């Protein structure tokens, strides 16, 4: 969907009128329809052939802008309407350019669909909305939207990666998609295959991959918009393109959902695209450990012992606790190659995280209070919330092994925490590290403000805001 800015309403567009809560009572029909101007609520009126949508924006804050953009797209996307226009001219709010940019971003995000494989989609279900014009946005709105447009592109890329089935997105095709998306953006790409990873000693990551016919990949994306003046921030993503559980096979019901077990890697790739598109003045490296976890005659067995790139050994108790095995080697490689002072990893790591926080919050674990605060603030600002979880020596002891340095799982209780403690063992002294367990956030069974049900793109806007607020000033 195209976003345009104009001074007057286009003649062929459905007019959308935002109304503050304080002004709603004066509107004709407001009392009859119980319209009080709450954010995202609507009055739909027709005068002759002219249709007007009145949408409440409450007090006119930026959260209301999100709901405005989302609500209008949800109503009009497949309605037969081709063009719509939001008229902000008469809206008495403080920062109209910022408000307009948020409307545009919410609308663009909410309009994303993945209909690639739907060959018999009913005509009335097909998207028709092609253009949204924002009128009276004020000076600076288009510049603000330029950044938002870049972020929306990154989110869309992540959603597409997550939504695609596992016969389409696997380690090598993930890399190919990333190369195509990032071409010409200034992002440098490096790829390690299994031979290079074996030479580096990545026994844990390769152990996960050994049951699959698909070759594992380590995708490395380097972006430096600082002109060489800043140290890199590292983003590391778990990219299990399909997770059967391996020999510790998952139950069949719902296993199809495991195509999105690469949501952490998807978020890292989308963030790199967003940063490059908006020309962020930061130095960021994105690393995605890409594997497929399959059962076969060559698959890793429960009880196997693997040697990680760090030299530490792991007794693999459960082959379905594979994400941490991917991340530990990816993080070790990242530290040896780039020596970052800050690492954030993202992973759809544990079902226990969903038990703890549902689908409302991602979990954050960190060895540094300032980093946890920075990420939580960014998450709150963009509406991708995080909740900090505890870490402690008592949990760390739960993953001690009688025959190796550690086990890859602890007891059932505290499962998300012991997983984080496992990863922490691979973080170098003095490195600020945060682990985001986003198992409940990358896919949604119901629509949200910024997405239809399905792939959410969670993590891209969060990380982009985190970089903007802390590494570009």
Protein backbone atom coordinates (compact mmCIF):
# COMPACT_ATOMS: atom_id res chain seq x y z
CA UNK A 1 0.00 0.00 0.00
CA UNK A 2 1.38 3.40 -1.04
CA UNK A 3 1.54 6.25 1.48
CA UNK A 4 1.19 9.77 0.05
CA UNK A 5 1.12 13.25 1.60
CA UNK A 6 -0.99 16.11 0.23
CA UNK A 7 -2.50 19.50 1.11
CA UNK A 8 -6.02 18.70 -0.11
CA UNK A 9 -8.27 15.67 -0.09
CA UNK A 10 -8.19 13.61 -3.31
CA UNK A 11 -11.60 13.61 -4.99
CA UNK A 12 -11.69 9.83 -5.46
CA UNK A 13 -10.71 8.81 -1.91
CA UNK A 14 -12.82 7.76 1.05
CA UNK A 15 -12.44 10.59 3.56
CA UNK A 16 -11.28 9.64 7.06
CA UNK A 17 -11.86 12.21 9.77
CA UNK A 18 -10.04 11.82 13.09
CA UNK A 19 -11.90 13.26 16.08
CA UNK A 20 -10.69 13.98 19.59
CA UNK A 21 -12.75 12.56 22.44
CA UNK A 22 -13.48 16.11 23.62
CA UNK A 23 -15.16 16.91 20.28
CA UNK A 24 -17.01 13.65 19.71
CA UNK A 25 -20.23 14.51 21.54
CA UNK A 26 -20.96 17.37 19.13
CA UNK A 27 -21.05 15.09 16.09
CA UNK A 28 -24.45 14.24 14.56
CA UNK A 29 -25.38 10.68 15.48
CA UNK A 30 -22.65 10.31 18.10
CA UNK A 31 -25.09 9.68 20.97
CA UNK A 32 -27.22 7.27 18.96
CA UNK A 33 -24.22 5.12 18.08
CA UNK A 34 -22.52 5.60 21.46
CA UNK A 35 -19.53 7.16 19.74
CA UNK A 36 -17.34 8.84 22.34
CA UNK A 37 -14.16 9.31 20.31
CA UNK A 38 -12.21 6.51 21.94
CA UNK A 39 -9.09 5.57 19.94
CA UNK A 40 -9.91 3.34 16.99
CA UNK A 41 -13.70 3.54 17.30
CA UNK A 42 -15.63 4.56 14.18
CA UNK A 43 -18.68 6.21 12.67
CA UNK A 44 -19.29 5.32 9.03
CA UNK A 45 -21.55 7.78 7.18
CA UNK A 46 -22.70 8.21 3.58
CA UNK A 47 -23.93 11.46 2.04
CA UNK A 48 -24.93 10.80 -1.56
CA UNK A 49 -21.92 9.03 -3.06
CA UNK A 50 -19.48 10.52 -0.56
CA UNK A 51 -18.42 8.19 2.24
CA UNK A 52 -16.80 9.52 5.40
CA UNK A 53 -15.24 7.48 8.18
CA UNK A 54 -15.02 9.30 11.48
CA UNK A 55 -12.44 7.69 13.76
CA UNK A 56 -11.86 8.52 17.41
CA UNK A 57 -8.34 9.41 18.55
CA UNK A 58 -8.97 9.97 22.24
CA UNK A 59 -6.54 12.60 23.51
CA UNK A 60 -4.58 12.58 20.25
CA UNK A 61 -1.43 10.87 21.52
CA UNK A 62 0.85 8.68 19.44
CA UNK A 63 -0.77 5.46 20.66
CA UNK A 64 -4.04 6.81 19.24
CA UNK A 65 -2.25 7.40 15.92
CA UNK A 66 -1.35 3.70 15.89
CA UNK A 67 -4.97 2.73 16.44
CA UNK A 68 -6.16 5.17 13.77
CA UNK A 69 -3.87 3.73 11.10
CA UNK A 70 -4.70 0.18 12.12
CA UNK A 71 -8.46 0.67 12.33
CA UNK A 72 -8.83 2.29 8.95
CA UNK A 73 -6.89 -0.47 7.22
CA UNK A 74 -8.78 -3.22 9.03
CA UNK A 75 -12.04 -1.64 7.84
CA UNK A 76 -11.05 -0.74 4.28
CA UNK A 77 -8.34 -3.15 3.12
CA UNK A 78 -10.67 -5.66 1.45
CA UNK A 79 -13.79 -3.48 1.29
CA UNK A 80 -13.61 -2.57 -2.39
CA UNK A 81 -12.14 0.83 -1.53
CA UNK A 82 -9.06 1.62 -3.60
CA UNK A 83 -8.03 4.99 -2.13
CA UNK A 84 -8.49 6.55 1.31
CA UNK A 85 -7.39 9.86 2.78
CA UNK A 86 -6.89 10.86 6.40
CA UNK A 87 -7.58 14.57 6.95
CA UNK A 88 -5.52 15.90 9.85
CA UNK A 89 -6.10 19.56 8.93
CA UNK A 90 -8.59 20.32 11.66
CA UNK A 91 -7.10 18.08 14.34
CA UNK A 92 -5.79 20.13 17.26
CA UNK A 93 -2.78 18.11 18.44
CA UNK A 94 0.72 19.14 19.43
CA UNK A 95 3.09 17.24 17.12
CA UNK A 96 1.11 16.62 13.97
CA UNK A 97 4.06 15.47 11.80
CA UNK A 98 4.97 12.75 14.31
CA UNK A 99 1.30 11.79 14.61
CA UNK A 100 1.00 11.53 10.83
CA UNK A 101 4.11 9.37 10.54
CA UNK A 102 2.74 6.98 13.15
CA UNK A 103 -0.60 6.76 11.32
CA UNK A 104 1.29 5.90 8.15
CA UNK A 105 3.44 3.26 9.85
CA UNK A 106 0.50 1.56 11.56
CA UNK A 107 -1.46 1.53 8.31
CA UNK A 108 1.43 0.08 6.32
CA UNK A 109 2.11 -2.60 8.93
CA UNK A 110 -1.56 -3.57 9.26
CA UNK A 111 -1.95 -3.87 5.48
CA UNK A 112 0.63 -6.68 5.13
CA UNK A 113 -0.79 -9.96 3.87
CA UNK A 114 0.74 -13.23 2.70
CA UNK A 115 -1.61 -14.59 0.04
CA UNK A 116 1.06 -16.22 -2.12
CA UNK A 117 -0.41 -19.72 -1.94
CA UNK A 118 -4.13 -18.83 -1.92
CA UNK A 119 -5.17 -19.59 -5.49
CA UNK A 120 -8.93 -19.57 -4.84
CA UNK A 121 -9.30 -16.49 -2.66
CA UNK A 122 -12.85 -15.11 -2.93
CA UNK A 123 -13.11 -11.77 -4.70
CA UNK A 124 -14.59 -10.04 -1.65
CA UNK A 125 -11.61 -11.23 0.45
CA UNK A 126 -8.96 -9.78 -1.87
CA UNK A 127 -7.19 -6.59 -0.75
CA UNK A 128 -8.29 -3.56 -2.74
CA UNK A 129 -6.85 -0.60 -0.83
CA UNK A 130 -3.87 0.67 -2.79
CA UNK A 131 -3.29 4.22 -1.59
CA UNK A 132 -3.52 6.10 1.69
CA UNK A 133 -3.11 9.87 1.48
CA UNK A 134 -2.44 11.90 4.61
CA UNK A 135 -3.65 15.49 4.32
CA UNK A 136 -2.54 18.41 6.48
CA UNK A 137 0.26 16.51 8.19
CA UNK A 138 2.51 19.53 8.60
CA UNK A 139 6.14 20.18 7.78
CA UNK A 140 8.48 17.31 8.57
CA UNK A 141 5.91 14.54 8.26
CA UNK A 142 7.34 13.08 5.07
CA UNK A 143 10.87 13.05 6.53
CA UNK A 144 9.57 11.28 9.64
CA UNK A 145 7.73 8.78 7.47
CA UNK A 146 10.90 8.05 5.48
CA UNK A 147 12.33 6.36 8.57
CA UNK A 148 9.02 4.59 9.18
CA UNK A 149 8.94 3.33 5.62
CA UNK A 150 12.34 1.70 6.11
CA UNK A 151 11.21 0.06 9.32
CA UNK A 152 8.00 -1.18 7.69
CA UNK A 153 10.06 -2.80 4.96
CA UNK A 154 12.13 -4.61 7.57
CA UNK A 155 9.02 -5.82 9.39
CA UNK A 156 7.46 -7.05 6.13
CA UNK A 157 10.62 -8.97 5.28
CA UNK A 158 10.63 -10.65 8.68
CA UNK A 159 6.95 -11.55 8.41
CA UNK A 160 7.47 -13.10 4.99
CA UNK A 161 10.37 -15.22 6.22
CA UNK A 162 8.33 -16.41 9.22
CA UNK A 163 5.16 -17.06 7.21
CA UNK A 164 6.78 -19.11 4.45
CA UNK A 165 6.60 -22.90 4.85
CA UNK A 166 9.70 -24.91 5.66
CA UNK A 167 9.95 -26.43 2.18
CA UNK A 168 10.44 -22.87 0.90
CA UNK A 169 12.51 -21.32 3.71
CA UNK A 170 15.40 -23.49 4.87
CA UNK A 171 18.95 -22.42 5.75
CA UNK A 172 20.24 -21.90 2.21
CA UNK A 173 17.07 -20.24 0.91
CA UNK A 174 16.94 -17.98 3.99
CA UNK A 175 20.42 -16.80 3.04
CA UNK A 176 19.36 -16.29 -0.57
CA UNK A 177 16.35 -14.20 0.51
CA UNK A 178 18.55 -12.08 2.78
CA UNK A 179 21.08 -11.49 0.02
CA UNK A 180 18.33 -10.38 -2.37
CA UNK A 181 16.64 -8.10 0.16
CA UNK A 182 19.86 -6.47 1.33
CA UNK A 183 21.48 -6.03 -2.07
CA UNK A 184 22.49 -2.41 -2.62
CA UNK A 185 21.68 -1.33 0.94
CA UNK A 186 25.25 -1.12 2.21
CA UNK A 187 24.96 -4.30 4.27
CA UNK A 188 27.91 -6.65 3.75
CA UNK A 189 27.08 -10.35 3.82
CA UNK A 190 29.29 -13.28 4.73
CA UNK A 191 28.14 -16.90 4.85
CA UNK A 192 29.75 -19.86 6.59
CA UNK A 193 28.78 -23.33 5.42
CA UNK A 194 29.19 -26.54 7.36
CA UNK A 195 32.83 -27.01 6.36
CA UNK A 196 33.77 -23.57 7.71
CA UNK A 197 31.76 -24.09 10.87
CA UNK A 198 33.34 -27.50 11.43
CA UNK A 199 36.76 -25.97 11.07
CA UNK A 200 35.77 -23.32 13.63
CA UNK A 201 34.69 -26.03 16.07
CA UNK A 202 30.94 -25.38 16.16
CA UNK A 203 30.04 -28.85 17.42
CA UNK A 204 26.81 -27.78 19.11
CA UNK A 205 25.26 -26.02 16.12
CA UNK A 206 26.32 -28.76 13.71
CA UNK A 207 25.00 -31.41 16.08
CA UNK A 208 21.51 -29.96 15.68
CA UNK A 209 21.85 -29.93 11.89
CA UNK A 210 23.29 -33.41 11.40
CA UNK A 211 19.92 -35.15 11.04
CA UNK A 212 18.84 -32.97 8.12
CA UNK A 213 19.58 -33.12 4.42
CA UNK A 214 19.64 -29.30 4.45
CA UNK A 215 23.08 -27.83 5.09
CA UNK A 216 23.42 -25.46 8.04
CA UNK A 217 24.48 -21.88 7.43
CA UNK A 218 25.83 -19.05 9.54
CA UNK A 219 24.60 -15.81 7.99
CA UNK A 220 26.63 -12.73 8.91
CA UNK A 221 25.31 -9.25 8.05
CA UNK A 222 27.52 -6.21 8.68
CA UNK A 223 26.24 -2.64 8.58
CA UNK A 224 28.29 0.39 9.56
CA UNK A 225 26.46 3.69 9.24
CA UNK A 226 28.82 5.33 11.74
CA UNK A 227 31.62 5.81 9.26
CA UNK A 228 33.89 3.52 11.25
CA UNK A 229 33.64 5.61 14.42
CA UNK A 230 31.71 3.17 16.63
CA UNK A 231 32.14 -0.36 17.93
CA UNK A 232 29.63 -2.90 16.68
CA UNK A 233 26.49 -3.93 18.51
CA UNK A 234 25.76 -7.62 17.87
CA UNK A 235 22.30 -9.08 17.22
CA UNK A 236 22.21 -12.88 17.17
CA UNK A 237 19.17 -14.84 16.02
CA UNK A 238 18.11 -18.46 16.40
CA UNK A 239 17.18 -19.71 12.94
CA UNK A 240 15.75 -23.22 13.21
CA UNK A 241 13.86 -23.22 9.94
CA UNK A 242 11.89 -26.26 11.02
CA UNK A 243 11.94 -27.98 14.37
CA UNK A 244 10.63 -31.53 14.61
CA UNK A 245 12.33 -31.91 17.97
CA UNK A 246 14.79 -34.32 16.37
CA UNK A 247 14.96 -37.75 18.02
CA UNK A 248 13.08 -36.21 20.99
CA UNK A 249 10.19 -35.87 18.55
CA UNK A 250 7.45 -33.34 19.19
CA UNK A 251 3.79 -34.46 19.24
CA UNK A 252 2.23 -34.29 15.74
CA UNK A 253 -0.55 -31.87 16.72
CA UNK A 254 0.63 -28.33 16.01
CA UNK A 255 4.04 -29.34 14.67
CA UNK A 256 3.31 -27.37 11.50
CA UNK A 257 3.76 -24.22 13.59
CA UNK A 258 7.44 -25.00 13.90
CA UNK A 259 8.11 -23.32 10.57
CA UNK A 260 8.34 -20.13 12.64
CA UNK A 261 11.04 -21.45 14.95
CA UNK A 262 13.39 -19.20 12.98
CA UNK A 263 11.54 -16.08 14.20
CA UNK A 264 14.59 -14.77 16.07
CA UNK A 265 16.78 -14.98 12.97
CA UNK A 266 13.94 -13.48 10.94
CA UNK A 267 13.80 -10.50 13.30
CA UNK A 268 17.56 -9.98 13.06
CA UNK A 269 17.48 -10.04 9.25
CA UNK A 270 14.51 -7.64 9.17
CA UNK A 271 16.23 -5.30 11.61
CA UNK A 272 19.34 -5.14 9.45
CA UNK A 273 17.18 -4.21 6.47
CA UNK A 274 15.32 -1.56 8.50
CA UNK A 275 18.55 0.01 9.77
CA UNK A 276 20.05 0.11 6.30
CA UNK A 277 16.91 1.52 4.68
CA UNK A 278 16.69 4.41 7.12
CA UNK A 279 20.49 4.90 6.99
CA UNK A 280 20.95 4.49 10.73
CA UNK A 281 24.12 6.11 12.06
CA UNK A 282 25.12 2.98 13.94
CA UNK A 283 27.46 0.03 13.63
CA UNK A 284 25.53 -3.24 13.88
CA UNK A 285 26.30 -6.85 13.01
CA UNK A 286 23.53 -9.41 12.63
CA UNK A 287 24.31 -13.11 12.92
CA UNK A 288 21.79 -15.86 12.19
CA UNK A 289 22.49 -19.49 13.06
CA UNK A 290 20.40 -21.39 10.48
CA UNK A 291 19.67 -25.10 10.84
CA UNK A 292 16.90 -27.63 10.39
CA UNK A 293 16.26 -30.03 13.28
CA UNK A 294 15.20 -33.37 11.80
CA UNK A 295 15.13 -37.03 12.92
CA UNK A 296 17.08 -39.48 10.76
CA UNK A 297 19.61 -42.25 11.00
CA UNK A 298 22.29 -39.62 11.29
CA UNK A 299 20.50 -37.40 13.81
CA UNK A 300 21.91 -36.41 17.18
CA UNK A 301 20.80 -38.73 20.00
CA UNK A 302 19.75 -37.94 23.57
CA UNK A 303 22.82 -38.61 25.67
CA UNK A 304 25.34 -37.51 23.03
CA UNK A 305 28.11 -35.18 24.19
CA UNK A 306 29.14 -32.32 21.89
CA UNK A 307 32.03 -29.89 22.12
CA UNK A 308 31.06 -26.29 21.52
CA UNK A 309 33.23 -23.70 19.79
CA UNK A 310 34.12 -22.28 23.21
CA UNK A 311 35.63 -25.64 24.21
CA UNK A 312 32.91 -26.33 26.76
CA UNK A 313 31.14 -29.69 26.50
CA UNK A 314 27.40 -30.34 26.55
CA UNK A 315 25.48 -33.51 27.33
CA UNK A 316 22.46 -33.39 25.03
CA UNK A 317 19.64 -34.67 27.22
CA UNK A 318 16.84 -33.50 24.91
CA UNK A 319 17.32 -32.90 21.19
CA UNK A 320 14.27 -30.63 21.23
CA UNK A 321 16.25 -28.12 23.33
CA UNK A 322 18.22 -27.28 20.22
CA UNK A 323 17.98 -23.50 19.98
CA UNK A 324 20.45 -22.91 22.80
CA UNK A 325 22.91 -25.23 21.05
CA UNK A 326 22.68 -23.07 17.95
CA UNK A 327 22.99 -19.81 19.88
CA UNK A 328 25.96 -20.81 22.03
CA UNK A 329 28.19 -21.41 19.00
CA UNK A 330 26.84 -18.38 17.13
CA UNK A 331 27.54 -16.15 20.14
CA UNK A 332 31.05 -17.59 20.61
CA UNK A 333 31.86 -17.00 16.94
CA UNK A 334 30.46 -13.46 17.12
CA UNK A 335 32.64 -12.59 20.11
CA UNK A 336 35.79 -14.00 18.55
CA UNK A 337 35.16 -12.24 15.24
CA UNK A 338 33.77 -8.84 16.28
CA UNK A 339 34.51 -8.43 20.03
CA UNK A 340 31.25 -6.56 20.66
CA UNK A 341 30.62 -4.90 24.02
CA UNK A 342 26.85 -5.49 23.67
CA UNK A 343 25.07 -8.64 22.43
CA UNK A 344 21.33 -9.16 22.13
CA UNK A 345 20.10 -12.59 21.10
CA UNK A 346 16.55 -13.36 20.00
CA UNK A 347 15.02 -16.81 19.96
CA UNK A 348 11.73 -18.66 19.98
CA UNK A 349 13.46 -20.70 22.63
CA UNK A 350 11.04 -22.26 25.12
CA UNK A 351 7.41 -23.25 25.42
CA UNK A 352 7.84 -22.44 29.11
CA UNK A 353 8.03 -18.78 28.13
CA UNK A 354 4.49 -18.96 26.77
CA UNK A 355 3.33 -20.62 29.97
CA UNK A 356 4.87 -17.76 31.95
CA UNK A 357 3.91 -14.73 29.85
CA UNK A 358 1.33 -15.97 27.35
CA UNK A 359 1.34 -14.13 24.05
CA UNK A 360 1.38 -10.70 25.68
CA UNK A 361 5.08 -10.21 26.53
CA UNK A 362 8.43 -11.44 25.35
CA UNK A 363 10.79 -12.47 28.11
CA UNK A 364 14.09 -10.68 28.69
CA UNK A 365 17.05 -12.11 30.60
CA UNK A 366 20.20 -10.07 31.05
CA UNK A 367 23.50 -9.84 32.90
CA UNK A 368 23.31 -6.03 32.86
CA UNK A 369 20.61 -3.81 34.39
CA UNK A 370 21.27 -0.88 32.07
CA UNK A 371 20.92 -3.03 28.96
CA UNK A 372 17.72 -4.60 30.27
CA UNK A 373 16.33 -1.11 30.93
CA UNK A 374 17.28 0.12 27.45
CA UNK A 375 15.60 -2.81 25.75
CA UNK A 376 12.51 -2.63 27.93
CA UNK A 377 12.14 1.10 27.24
CA UNK A 378 12.41 0.51 23.49
CA UNK A 379 9.91 -2.34 23.69
CA UNK A 380 7.39 -0.19 25.55
CA UNK A 381 7.82 2.72 23.14
CA UNK A 382 6.92 0.65 20.07
CA UNK A 383 4.29 -1.60 21.64
CA UNK A 384 6.33 -4.83 21.56
CA UNK A 385 6.48 -5.38 25.32
CA UNK A 386 9.12 -7.26 27.29
CA UNK A 387 9.05 -8.54 30.86
CA UNK A 388 12.30 -9.09 32.73
CA UNK A 389 12.81 -12.57 34.15
CA UNK A 390 15.21 -13.57 36.96
CA UNK A 391 18.56 -15.30 36.72
CA UNK A 392 20.49 -16.80 39.65
CA UNK A 393 23.17 -19.32 40.58
CA UNK A 394 20.50 -21.69 41.88
CA UNK A 395 19.10 -22.01 38.36
CA UNK A 396 22.57 -22.30 36.85
CA UNK A 397 23.37 -25.34 38.99
CA UNK A 398 20.34 -27.12 37.53
CA UNK A 399 22.14 -27.60 34.21
CA UNK A 400 25.33 -29.13 35.62
CA UNK A 401 26.02 -32.54 34.04
CA UNK A 402 27.61 -35.57 35.73
CA UNK A 403 29.66 -36.39 32.61
CA UNK A 404 30.15 -33.04 30.80
CA UNK A 405 30.42 -29.35 31.62
CA UNK A 406 26.64 -28.92 31.36
CA UNK A 407 23.37 -30.44 30.19
CA UNK A 408 21.26 -28.71 27.55
CA UNK A 409 18.17 -28.87 29.78
CA UNK A 410 17.40 -28.65 33.45
CA UNK A 411 14.27 -29.82 35.27
CA UNK A 412 10.81 -28.88 34.05
CA UNK A 413 10.45 -26.03 36.51
CA UNK A 414 12.10 -22.76 35.51
CA UNK A 415 12.65 -24.03 31.97
CA UNK A 416 13.01 -20.61 30.36
CA UNK A 417 15.42 -19.50 33.06
CA UNK A 418 17.71 -22.53 32.84
CA UNK A 419 17.78 -22.05 29.05
CA UNK A 420 18.96 -18.47 29.57
CA UNK A 421 21.52 -19.64 32.13
CA UNK A 422 22.86 -22.06 29.51
CA UNK A 423 23.40 -19.24 26.99
CA UNK A 424 24.96 -17.02 29.65
CA UNK A 425 27.78 -19.54 30.09
CA UNK A 426 29.00 -18.58 26.61
CA UNK A 427 29.05 -14.80 27.13
CA UNK A 428 32.53 -13.38 27.69
CA UNK A 429 33.38 -11.47 30.85
CA UNK A 430 32.60 -7.76 30.53
CA UNK A 431 30.14 -8.16 27.64
CA UNK A 432 26.66 -6.71 28.17
CA UNK A 433 24.23 -9.44 27.09
CA UNK A 434 20.48 -9.83 26.85
CA UNK A 435 18.48 -12.84 25.74
CA UNK A 436 14.98 -12.26 24.39
CA UNK A 437 12.80 -15.36 24.48
CA UNK A 438 10.09 -14.44 21.98
CA UNK A 439 8.41 -17.85 21.63
CA UNK A 440 4.96 -16.41 22.27
CA UNK A 441 5.33 -13.31 20.13
CA UNK A 442 6.37 -14.10 16.55
CA UNK A 443 3.03 -15.66 15.56
CA UNK A 444 -0.48 -14.66 16.60
CA UNK A 445 -3.77 -16.51 16.34
CA UNK A 446 -5.69 -13.21 16.42
CA UNK A 447 -5.24 -9.75 14.88
CA UNK A 448 -3.35 -7.05 16.75
CA UNK A 449 -2.90 -3.32 16.29
CA UNK A 450 -0.10 -3.76 13.76
CA UNK A 451 -0.85 -7.17 12.24
CA UNK A 452 -3.46 -9.56 10.98
CA UNK A 453 -3.33 -13.01 12.54
CA UNK A 454 -0.21 -14.89 11.55
CA UNK A 455 3.36 -13.61 11.45
CA UNK A 456 3.78 -10.48 13.59
CA UNK A 457 7.30 -9.32 12.74
CA UNK A 458 7.94 -8.94 16.47
CA UNK A 459 11.40 -7.70 17.33
CA UNK A 460 12.21 -5.52 14.34
CA UNK A 461 10.68 -2.27 15.62
CA UNK A 462 11.94 -3.06 19.12
CA UNK A 463 15.54 -3.52 18.00
CA UNK A 464 15.41 -0.58 15.61
CA UNK A 465 14.24 1.69 18.43
CA UNK A 466 16.86 0.23 20.80
CA UNK A 467 19.61 1.05 18.29
CA UNK A 468 18.19 4.51 17.57
CA UNK A 469 17.91 5.49 21.22
CA UNK A 470 21.23 4.11 22.45
CA UNK A 471 23.73 3.83 19.61
CA UNK A 472 23.05 6.71 17.24
CA UNK A 473 23.50 9.69 19.56
